[in-house]
PDB file of N, CA and C in Angstrom:
ATOM      1  N   MET A   1      48.661 -43.256 -15.147  1.00  0.00           N
ATOM      2  CA  MET A   1      49.227 -43.553 -16.499  1.00  0.00           C
ATOM      3  C   MET A   1      49.637 -42.260 -16.971  1.00  0.00           C
ATOM      4  N   ALA A   2      51.109 -42.535 -17.295  1.00  0.00           N
ATOM      5  CA  ALA A   2      52.014 -41.385 -18.099  1.00  0.00           C
ATOM      6  C   ALA A   2      51.348 -41.210 -18.926  1.00  0.00           C
ATOM      7  N   PRO A   3      51.487 -39.685 -19.243  1.00  0.00           N
ATOM      8  CA  PRO A   3      50.943 -39.294 -20.579  1.00  0.00           C
ATOM      9  C   PRO A   3      52.234 -39.446 -21.789  1.00  0.00           C
ATOM     10  N   ASN A   4      51.534 -39.638 -23.062  1.00  0.00           N
ATOM     11  CA  ASN A   4      52.350 -39.809 -24.077  1.00  0.00           C
ATOM     12  C   ASN A   4      52.416 -38.617 -24.889  1.00  0.00           C
ATOM     13  N   ARG A   5      53.253 -38.571 -26.209  1.00  0.00           N
ATOM     14  CA  ARG A   5      53.315 -37.196 -26.907  1.00  0.00           C
ATOM     15  C   ARG A   5      51.956 -37.173 -27.475  1.00  0.00           C
ATOM     16  N   THR A   6      50.970 -38.330 -27.962  1.00  0.00           N
ATOM     17  CA  THR A   6      50.098 -37.892 -28.757  1.00  0.00           C
ATOM     18  C   THR A   6      48.943 -37.406 -27.887  1.00  0.00           C
ATOM     19  N   ASN A   7      49.185 -37.513 -26.666  1.00  0.00           N
ATOM     20  CA  ASN A   7      48.083 -36.731 -25.575  1.00  0.00           C
ATOM     21  C   ASN A   7      48.434 -35.692 -25.562  1.00  0.00           C
ATOM     22  N   LEU A   8      49.672 -34.883 -25.702  1.00  0.00           N
ATOM     23  CA  LEU A   8      50.154 -33.591 -25.729  1.00  0.00           C
ATOM     24  C   LEU A   8      49.438 -32.630 -26.947  1.00  0.00           C
ATOM     25  N   GLY A   9      48.892 -33.692 -27.772  1.00  0.00           N
ATOM     26  CA  GLY A   9      48.439 -32.588 -29.028  1.00  0.00           C
ATOM     27  C   GLY A   9      49.628 -32.619 -29.843  1.00  0.00           C
ATOM     28  N   TYR A  10      50.645 -32.923 -29.859  1.00  0.00           N
ATOM     29  CA  TYR A  10      51.987 -32.386 -30.890  1.00  0.00           C
ATOM     30  C   TYR A  10      51.849 -33.167 -32.114  1.00  0.00           C
ATOM     31  N   PRO A  11      51.715 -32.747 -33.168  1.00  0.00           N
ATOM     32  CA  PRO A  11      51.627 -33.041 -34.647  1.00  0.00           C
ATOM     33  C   PRO A  11      52.696 -34.601 -34.397  1.00  0.00           C
ATOM     34  N   PRO A  12      52.623 -35.881 -34.765  1.00  0.00           N
ATOM     35  CA  PRO A  12      53.753 -36.617 -34.859  1.00  0.00           C
ATOM     36  C   PRO A  12      55.034 -36.542 -35.651  1.00  0.00           C
ATOM     37  N   GLU A  13      54.692 -36.132 -36.664  1.00  0.00           N
ATOM     38  CA  GLU A  13      55.714 -35.587 -37.792  1.00  0.00           C
ATOM     39  C   GLU A  13      56.712 -35.010 -37.428  1.00  0.00           C
ATOM     40  N   LEU A  14      55.974 -33.468 -36.767  1.00  0.00           N
ATOM     41  CA  LEU A  14      56.726 -32.921 -36.193  1.00  0.00           C
ATOM     42  C   LEU A  14      57.857 -33.191 -34.983  1.00  0.00           C
ATOM     43  N   GLU A  15      57.062 -34.101 -33.999  1.00  0.00           N
ATOM     44  CA  GLU A  15      57.866 -34.445 -33.068  1.00  0.00           C
ATOM     45  C   GLU A  15      59.021 -35.387 -33.688  1.00  0.00           C
ATOM     46  N   PHE A  16      58.719 -36.180 -34.556  1.00  0.00           N
ATOM     47  CA  PHE A  16      59.613 -37.274 -35.194  1.00  0.00           C
ATOM     48  C   PHE A  16      60.947 -36.257 -35.858  1.00  0.00           C
ATOM     49  N   ALA A  17      60.538 -35.447 -36.822  1.00  0.00           N
ATOM     50  CA  ALA A  17      61.802 -34.580 -37.476  1.00  0.00           C
ATOM     51  C   ALA A  17      62.593 -34.105 -36.258  1.00  0.00           C
ATOM     52  N   ILE A  18      62.086 -33.389 -35.135  1.00  0.00           N
ATOM     53  CA  ILE A  18      62.707 -32.741 -34.058  1.00  0.00           C
ATOM     54  C   ILE A  18      63.502 -33.535 -33.688  1.00  0.00           C
ATOM     55  N   GLN A  19      63.104 -35.021 -33.184  1.00  0.00           N
ATOM     56  CA  GLN A  19      63.749 -35.870 -32.294  1.00  0.00           C
ATOM     57  C   GLN A  19      65.079 -36.198 -33.575  1.00  0.00           C
ATOM     58  N   GLU A  20      64.799 -36.480 -34.926  1.00  0.00           N
ATOM     59  CA  GLU A  20      65.821 -36.704 -35.902  1.00  0.00           C
ATOM     60  C   GLU A  20      66.748 -35.654 -35.944  1.00  0.00           C
ATOM     61  N   GLU A  21      66.638 -34.454 -36.046  1.00  0.00           N
ATOM     62  CA  GLU A  21      67.412 -33.278 -35.817  1.00  0.00           C
ATOM     63  C   GLU A  21      68.538 -33.125 -34.699  1.00  0.00           C
ATOM     64  N   LEU A  22      67.765 -33.742 -33.479  1.00  0.00           N
ATOM     65  CA  LEU A  22      68.566 -33.567 -32.338  1.00  0.00           C
ATOM     66  C   LEU A  22      69.487 -34.642 -32.052  1.00  0.00           C
ATOM     67  N   SER A  23      69.042 -35.899 -32.978  1.00  0.00           N
ATOM     68  CA  SER A  23      69.908 -37.120 -33.073  1.00  0.00           C
ATOM     69  C   SER A  23      71.343 -36.648 -33.737  1.00  0.00           C
ATOM     70  N   VAL A  24      70.808 -35.955 -34.947  1.00  0.00           N
ATOM     71  CA  VAL A  24      72.260 -35.707 -35.724  1.00  0.00           C
ATOM     72  C   VAL A  24      73.153 -34.797 -34.854  1.00  0.00           C
ATOM     73  N   LEU A  25      72.323 -33.655 -34.398  1.00  0.00           N
ATOM     74  CA  LEU A  25      73.443 -32.864 -33.604  1.00  0.00           C
ATOM     75  C   LEU A  25      74.024 -33.523 -32.608  1.00  0.00           C
ATOM     76  N   GLY A  26      73.490 -34.475 -31.503  1.00  0.00           N
ATOM     77  CA  GLY A  26      74.189 -35.299 -30.831  1.00  0.00           C
ATOM     78  C   GLY A  26      75.449 -36.098 -31.488  1.00  0.00           C
ATOM     79  N   SER A  27      75.321 -36.743 -32.779  1.00  0.00           N
ATOM     80  CA  SER A  27      76.246 -37.532 -33.349  1.00  0.00           C
ATOM     81  C   SER A  27      77.378 -36.389 -33.585  1.00  0.00           C
ATOM     82  N   ILE A  28      76.989 -34.982 -34.300  1.00  0.00           N
ATOM     83  CA  ILE A  28      78.137 -34.148 -34.630  1.00  0.00           C
ATOM     84  C   ILE A  28      78.703 -33.791 -33.460  1.00  0.00           C
ATOM     85  N   GLU A  29      78.215 -33.458 -32.361  1.00  0.00           N
ATOM     86  CA  GLU A  29      78.999 -33.202 -31.275  1.00  0.00           C
ATOM     87  C   GLU A  29      79.639 -34.494 -30.602  1.00  0.00           C
ATOM     88  N   ALA A  30      79.148 -35.600 -30.560  1.00  0.00           N
ATOM     89  CA  ALA A  30      79.898 -36.787 -29.700  1.00  0.00           C
ATOM     90  C   ALA A  30      81.444 -36.671 -30.693  1.00  0.00           C
ATOM     91  N   ARG A  31      81.258 -36.919 -32.310  1.00  0.00           N
ATOM     92  CA  ARG A  31      82.414 -36.778 -33.174  1.00  0.00           C
ATOM     93  C   ARG A  31      83.536 -35.796 -32.855  1.00  0.00           C
ATOM     94  N   TYR A  32      82.691 -34.503 -32.590  1.00  0.00           N
ATOM     95  CA  TYR A  32      83.743 -33.337 -32.374  1.00  0.00           C
ATOM     96  C   TYR A  32      84.406 -33.625 -31.069  1.00  0.00           C
ATOM     97  N   THR A  33      83.926 -34.058 -29.934  1.00  0.00           N
ATOM     98  CA  THR A  33      84.461 -34.444 -28.754  1.00  0.00           C
ATOM     99  C   THR A  33      85.805 -35.556 -28.939  1.00  0.00           C
ATOM    100  N   ASP A  34      85.204 -36.611 -29.308  1.00  0.00           N
ATOM    101  CA  ASP A  34      86.328 -37.746 -30.010  1.00  0.00           C
ATOM    102  C   ASP A  34      87.584 -36.937 -30.622  1.00  0.00           C
ATOM    103  N   GLU A  35      87.248 -36.270 -31.695  1.00  0.00           N
ATOM    104  CA  GLU A  35      88.388 -35.961 -32.215  1.00  0.00           C
ATOM    105  C   GLU A  35      89.245 -34.961 -31.773  1.00  0.00           C
ATOM    106  N   LEU A  36      88.618 -33.859 -30.766  1.00  0.00           N
ATOM    107  CA  LEU A  36      89.324 -33.021 -30.106  1.00  0.00           C
ATOM    108  C   LEU A  36      90.005 -33.711 -29.259  1.00  0.00           C
ATOM    109  N   ALA A  37      89.708 -34.860 -28.449  1.00  0.00           N
ATOM    110  CA  ALA A  37      90.194 -35.510 -27.197  1.00  0.00           C
ATOM    111  C   ALA A  37      91.452 -36.207 -28.105  1.00  0.00           C
ATOM    112  N   ARG A  38      91.308 -36.880 -29.058  1.00  0.00           N
ATOM    113  CA  ARG A  38      92.338 -37.500 -29.950  1.00  0.00           C
ATOM    114  C   ARG A  38      93.629 -36.610 -30.448  1.00  0.00           C
ATOM    115  N   LEU A  39      93.216 -35.427 -30.700  1.00  0.00           N
ATOM    116  CA  LEU A  39      93.948 -33.945 -31.251  1.00  0.00           C
ATOM    117  C   LEU A  39      94.777 -33.746 -29.516  1.00  0.00           C
ATOM    118  N   GLU A  40      93.972 -33.524 -28.602  1.00  0.00           N
ATOM    119  CA  GLU A  40      94.656 -33.250 -27.285  1.00  0.00           C
ATOM    120  C   GLU A  40      95.529 -34.128 -26.756  1.00  0.00           C
ATOM    121  N   GLN A  41      95.427 -35.180 -27.230  1.00  0.00           N
ATOM    122  CA  GLN A  41      96.403 -36.377 -26.528  1.00  0.00           C
ATOM    123  C   GLN A  41      97.585 -37.138 -27.572  1.00  0.00           C
ATOM    124  N   SER A  42      97.350 -36.359 -28.737  1.00  0.00           N
ATOM    125  CA  SER A  42      98.534 -36.424 -29.945  1.00  0.00           C
ATOM    126  C   SER A  42      99.749 -35.611 -29.598  1.00  0.00           C
ATOM    127  N   ASN A  43     100.899 -36.109 -30.160  1.00  0.00           N
ATOM    128  CA  ASN A  43     102.036 -35.460 -30.089  1.00  0.00           C
ATOM    129  C   ASN A  43     102.390 -33.894 -31.021  1.00  0.00           C
ATOM    130  N   THR A  44     101.194 -33.661 -31.639  1.00  0.00           N
ATOM    131  CA  THR A  44     101.138 -32.404 -32.407  1.00  0.00           C
ATOM    132  C   THR A  44     101.849 -31.467 -31.703  1.00  0.00           C
ATOM    133  N   SER A  45     102.692 -30.816 -32.411  1.00  0.00           N
ATOM    134  CA  SER A  45     103.309 -29.340 -31.732  1.00  0.00           C
ATOM    135  C   SER A  45     102.213 -28.413 -31.687  1.00  0.00           C
ATOM    136  N   GLY A  46     102.672 -27.545 -30.546  1.00  0.00           N
ATOM    137  CA  GLY A  46     101.296 -26.450 -30.350  1.00  0.00           C
ATOM    138  C   GLY A  46     100.426 -25.623 -31.375  1.00  0.00           C
ATOM    139  N   SER A  47     101.756 -25.213 -32.015  1.00  0.00           N
ATOM    140  CA  SER A  47     101.035 -24.247 -33.201  1.00  0.00           C
ATOM    141  C   SER A  47     100.126 -25.125 -34.157  1.00  0.00           C
ATOM    142  N   ALA A  48     100.772 -26.195 -34.534  1.00  0.00           N
ATOM    143  CA  ALA A  48      99.744 -26.963 -35.280  1.00  0.00           C
ATOM    144  C   ALA A  48      98.765 -27.694 -34.604  1.00  0.00           C
ATOM    145  N   LYS A  49      98.809 -27.711 -33.470  1.00  0.00           N
ATOM    146  CA  LYS A  49      97.451 -28.346 -32.578  1.00  0.00           C
ATOM    147  C   LYS A  49      96.226 -27.226 -32.626  1.00  0.00           C
ATOM    148  N   GLU A  50      96.777 -26.099 -32.573  1.00  0.00           N
ATOM    149  CA  GLU A  50      95.630 -24.980 -32.611  1.00  0.00           C
ATOM    150  C   GLU A  50      95.400 -24.734 -34.108  1.00  0.00           C
ATOM    151  N   ARG A  51      95.808 -24.950 -34.995  1.00  0.00           N
ATOM    152  CA  ARG A  51      95.291 -24.673 -36.357  1.00  0.00           C
ATOM    153  C   ARG A  51      94.428 -25.807 -36.452  1.00  0.00           C
ATOM    154  N   LEU A  52      94.703 -27.258 -36.219  1.00  0.00           N
ATOM    155  CA  LEU A  52      93.985 -28.287 -36.238  1.00  0.00           C
ATOM    156  C   LEU A  52      92.811 -28.091 -35.293  1.00  0.00           C
ATOM    157  N   ARG A  53      92.735 -27.384 -34.096  1.00  0.00           N
ATOM    158  CA  ARG A  53      91.382 -27.071 -33.392  1.00  0.00           C
ATOM    159  C   ARG A  53      90.573 -26.158 -33.951  1.00  0.00           C
ATOM    160  N   GLN A  54      91.058 -25.397 -34.781  1.00  0.00           N
ATOM    161  CA  GLN A  54      90.284 -24.410 -35.321  1.00  0.00           C
ATOM    162  C   GLN A  54      90.016 -25.107 -36.599  1.00  0.00           C
ATOM    163  N   GLN A  55      90.429 -25.866 -37.236  1.00  0.00           N
ATOM    164  CA  GLN A  55      89.624 -26.336 -38.365  1.00  0.00           C
ATOM    165  C   GLN A  55      88.655 -27.430 -37.887  1.00  0.00           C
ATOM    166  N   LEU A  56      88.890 -28.245 -36.690  1.00  0.00           N
ATOM    167  CA  LEU A  56      87.594 -29.139 -36.177  1.00  0.00           C
ATOM    168  C   LEU A  56      86.585 -27.954 -36.052  1.00  0.00           C
ATOM    169  N   GLU A  57      86.947 -26.943 -35.188  1.00  0.00           N
ATOM    170  CA  GLU A  57      85.789 -26.318 -34.782  1.00  0.00           C
ATOM    171  C   GLU A  57      84.596 -25.373 -35.814  1.00  0.00           C
ATOM    172  N   SER A  58      85.617 -25.321 -37.050  1.00  0.00           N
ATOM    173  CA  SER A  58      85.218 -25.050 -38.007  1.00  0.00           C
ATOM    174  C   SER A  58      84.173 -25.754 -39.128  1.00  0.00           C
ATOM    175  N   ARG A  59      84.702 -27.183 -38.907  1.00  0.00           N
ATOM    176  CA  ARG A  59      83.697 -28.274 -39.604  1.00  0.00           C
ATOM    177  C   ARG A  59      82.753 -28.393 -38.603  1.00  0.00           C
ATOM    178  N   ARG A  60      82.998 -28.714 -37.457  1.00  0.00           N
ATOM    179  CA  ARG A  60      82.011 -28.771 -36.540  1.00  0.00           C
ATOM    180  C   ARG A  60      80.297 -27.589 -36.778  1.00  0.00           C
ATOM    181  N   LYS A  61      80.894 -26.349 -37.001  1.00  0.00           N
ATOM    182  CA  LYS A  61      80.033 -25.360 -37.088  1.00  0.00           C
ATOM    183  C   LYS A  61      79.591 -25.590 -38.390  1.00  0.00           C
ATOM    184  N   SER A  62      80.011 -25.888 -39.275  1.00  0.00           N
ATOM    185  CA  SER A  62      79.418 -26.042 -40.999  1.00  0.00           C
ATOM    186  C   SER A  62      78.644 -27.478 -40.730  1.00  0.00           C
ATOM    187  N   ALA A  63      78.878 -28.142 -39.968  1.00  0.00           N
ATOM    188  CA  ALA A  63      77.880 -29.607 -40.016  1.00  0.00           C
ATOM    189  C   ALA A  63      76.609 -29.440 -39.272  1.00  0.00           C
ATOM    190  N   ARG A  64      76.967 -28.087 -38.117  1.00  0.00           N
ATOM    191  CA  ARG A  64      75.715 -28.264 -37.382  1.00  0.00           C
ATOM    192  C   ARG A  64      74.548 -26.883 -37.851  1.00  0.00           C
ATOM    193  N   GLU A  65      75.293 -26.266 -38.715  1.00  0.00           N
ATOM    194  CA  GLU A  65      74.474 -24.960 -38.905  1.00  0.00           C
ATOM    195  C   GLU A  65      73.142 -25.526 -39.660  1.00  0.00           C
ATOM    196  N   PRO A  66      73.158 -26.249 -40.826  1.00  0.00           N
ATOM    197  CA  PRO A  66      71.829 -26.689 -41.286  1.00  0.00           C
ATOM    198  C   PRO A  66      70.827 -27.328 -40.454  1.00  0.00           C
ATOM    199  N   HIS A  67      71.294 -28.010 -39.532  1.00  0.00           N
ATOM    200  CA  HIS A  67      70.463 -28.890 -38.584  1.00  0.00           C
ATOM    201  C   HIS A  67      69.821 -27.949 -37.435  1.00  0.00           C
ATOM    202  N   VAL A  68      70.716 -26.788 -37.107  1.00  0.00           N
ATOM    203  CA  VAL A  68      70.430 -25.844 -36.308  1.00  0.00           C
ATOM    204  C   VAL A  68      69.236 -24.835 -36.764  1.00  0.00           C
ATOM    205  N   LEU A  69      69.363 -24.944 -38.169  1.00  0.00           N
ATOM    206  CA  LEU A  69      68.029 -24.012 -38.871  1.00  0.00           C
ATOM    207  C   LEU A  69      67.211 -24.924 -38.900  1.00  0.00           C
ATOM    208  N   LYS A  70      67.164 -25.892 -39.286  1.00  0.00           N
ATOM    209  CA  LYS A  70      66.037 -27.169 -39.305  1.00  0.00           C
ATOM    210  C   LYS A  70      65.245 -27.061 -38.327  1.00  0.00           C
ATOM    211  N   LEU A  71      66.005 -27.098 -37.266  1.00  0.00           N
ATOM    212  CA  LEU A  71      65.260 -27.266 -35.825  1.00  0.00           C
ATOM    213  C   LEU A  71      64.392 -26.165 -35.394  1.00  0.00           C
ATOM    214  N   ALA A  72      65.293 -24.973 -35.543  1.00  0.00           N
ATOM    215  CA  ALA A  72      64.529 -23.481 -35.477  1.00  0.00           C
ATOM    216  C   ALA A  72      63.326 -23.806 -36.165  1.00  0.00           C
ATOM    217  N   GLU A  73      63.262 -24.105 -37.493  1.00  0.00           N
ATOM    218  CA  GLU A  73      62.128 -24.004 -38.261  1.00  0.00           C
ATOM    219  C   GLU A  73      60.807 -25.074 -37.704  1.00  0.00           C
ATOM    220  N   LEU A  74      61.377 -26.147 -37.569  1.00  0.00           N
ATOM    221  CA  LEU A  74      60.469 -27.223 -37.006  1.00  0.00           C
ATOM    222  C   LEU A  74      60.011 -26.816 -35.605  1.00  0.00           C
ATOM    223  N   ARG A  75      60.726 -26.095 -34.645  1.00  0.00           N
ATOM    224  CA  ARG A  75      60.470 -25.500 -33.347  1.00  0.00           C
ATOM    225  C   ARG A  75      58.888 -24.380 -33.801  1.00  0.00           C
ATOM    226  N   ARG A  76      59.309 -23.714 -34.988  1.00  0.00           N
ATOM    227  CA  ARG A  76      58.420 -22.394 -35.276  1.00  0.00           C
ATOM    228  C   ARG A  76      57.149 -23.445 -35.637  1.00  0.00           C
ATOM    229  N   ARG A  77      57.037 -24.290 -36.472  1.00  0.00           N
ATOM    230  CA  ARG A  77      55.958 -24.846 -37.005  1.00  0.00           C
ATOM    231  C   ARG A  77      55.310 -25.710 -35.889  1.00  0.00           C
ATOM    232  N   LEU A  78      55.870 -26.007 -35.022  1.00  0.00           N
ATOM    233  CA  LEU A  78      55.465 -26.924 -33.670  1.00  0.00           C
ATOM    234  C   LEU A  78      54.675 -25.854 -32.691  1.00  0.00           C
ATOM    235  N   LEU A  79      55.112 -24.580 -32.628  1.00  0.00           N
ATOM    236  CA  LEU A  79      54.390 -23.509 -31.959  1.00  0.00           C
ATOM    237  C   LEU A  79      53.400 -23.313 -32.577  1.00  0.00           C
ATOM    238  N   ALA A  80      53.514 -23.215 -33.851  1.00  0.00           N
ATOM    239  CA  ALA A  80      52.276 -22.490 -34.765  1.00  0.00           C
ATOM    240  C   ALA A  80      51.195 -23.271 -34.691  1.00  0.00           C
ATOM    241  N   GLU A  81      51.472 -24.854 -34.916  1.00  0.00           N
ATOM    242  CA  GLU A  81      50.711 -25.928 -34.628  1.00  0.00           C
ATOM    243  C   GLU A  81      49.757 -25.985 -33.407  1.00  0.00           C
ATOM    244  N   THR A  82      50.510 -25.890 -32.082  1.00  0.00           N
ATOM    245  CA  THR A  82      50.308 -25.828 -30.893  1.00  0.00           C
ATOM    246  C   THR A  82      49.572 -24.494 -30.433  1.00  0.00           C
ATOM    247  N   LEU A  83      49.548 -23.475 -30.554  1.00  0.00           N
ATOM    248  CA  LEU A  83      49.254 -22.162 -30.121  1.00  0.00           C
ATOM    249  C   LEU A  83      48.027 -21.662 -30.909  1.00  0.00           C
ATOM    250  N   TRP A  84      47.896 -22.050 -32.279  1.00  0.00           N
ATOM    251  CA  TRP A  84      46.668 -21.466 -32.890  1.00  0.00           C
ATOM    252  C   TRP A  84      45.761 -22.672 -33.235  1.00  0.00           C
ATOM    253  N   ARG A  85      45.886 -23.988 -32.687  1.00  0.00           N
ATOM    254  CA  ARG A  85      45.213 -24.945 -32.898  1.00  0.00           C
ATOM    255  C   ARG A  85      43.735 -24.571 -32.521  1.00  0.00           C
ATOM    256  N   GLY A  86      42.619 -24.661 -32.957  1.00  0.00           N
ATOM    257  CA  GLY A  86      41.349 -24.527 -32.944  1.00  0.00           C
ATOM    258  C   GLY A  86      40.989 -22.753 -33.168  1.00  0.00           C
ATOM    259  N   GLU A  87      41.845 -21.988 -33.498  1.00  0.00           N
ATOM    260  CA  GLU A  87      41.492 -20.730 -34.046  1.00  0.00           C
ATOM    261  C   GLU A  87      41.699 -20.372 -35.340  1.00  0.00           C
ATOM    262  N   THR A  88      40.916 -19.409 -35.904  1.00  0.00           N
ATOM    263  CA  THR A  88      41.248 -18.747 -37.267  1.00  0.00           C
ATOM    264  C   THR A  88      42.086 -17.902 -37.358  1.00  0.00           C
ATOM    265  N   ARG A  89      42.898 -18.446 -38.241  1.00  0.00           N
ATOM    266  CA  ARG A  89      44.244 -17.412 -38.526  1.00  0.00           C
ATOM    267  C   ARG A  89      43.811 -16.572 -40.113  1.00  0.00           C
ATOM    268  N   HIS A  90      44.288 -15.336 -39.785  1.00  0.00           N
ATOM    269  CA  HIS A  90      44.101 -14.313 -40.699  1.00  0.00           C
ATOM    270  C   HIS A  90      45.311 -13.743 -41.587  1.00  0.00           C
TER     271      HIS A  90
END
């Protein structure tokens, strides 16, 4: 029988939140990839294309940042929950 997540002892709310953040990051990356592909295939001039590439990358970074930070916090909480389980923390 294959183990499920509850057998691993991870708090389900953290697992769910992590999966949600990963899903959002995946959507951001997919959108960026699609927009970049359309830009590369467009007839836009070289200098304008470079400016638009930079704008796309800037929007991508801005969109990702809060989700990457949230994911890092969730990971920290997950580690704290699993590493310190059963031990008294001071």
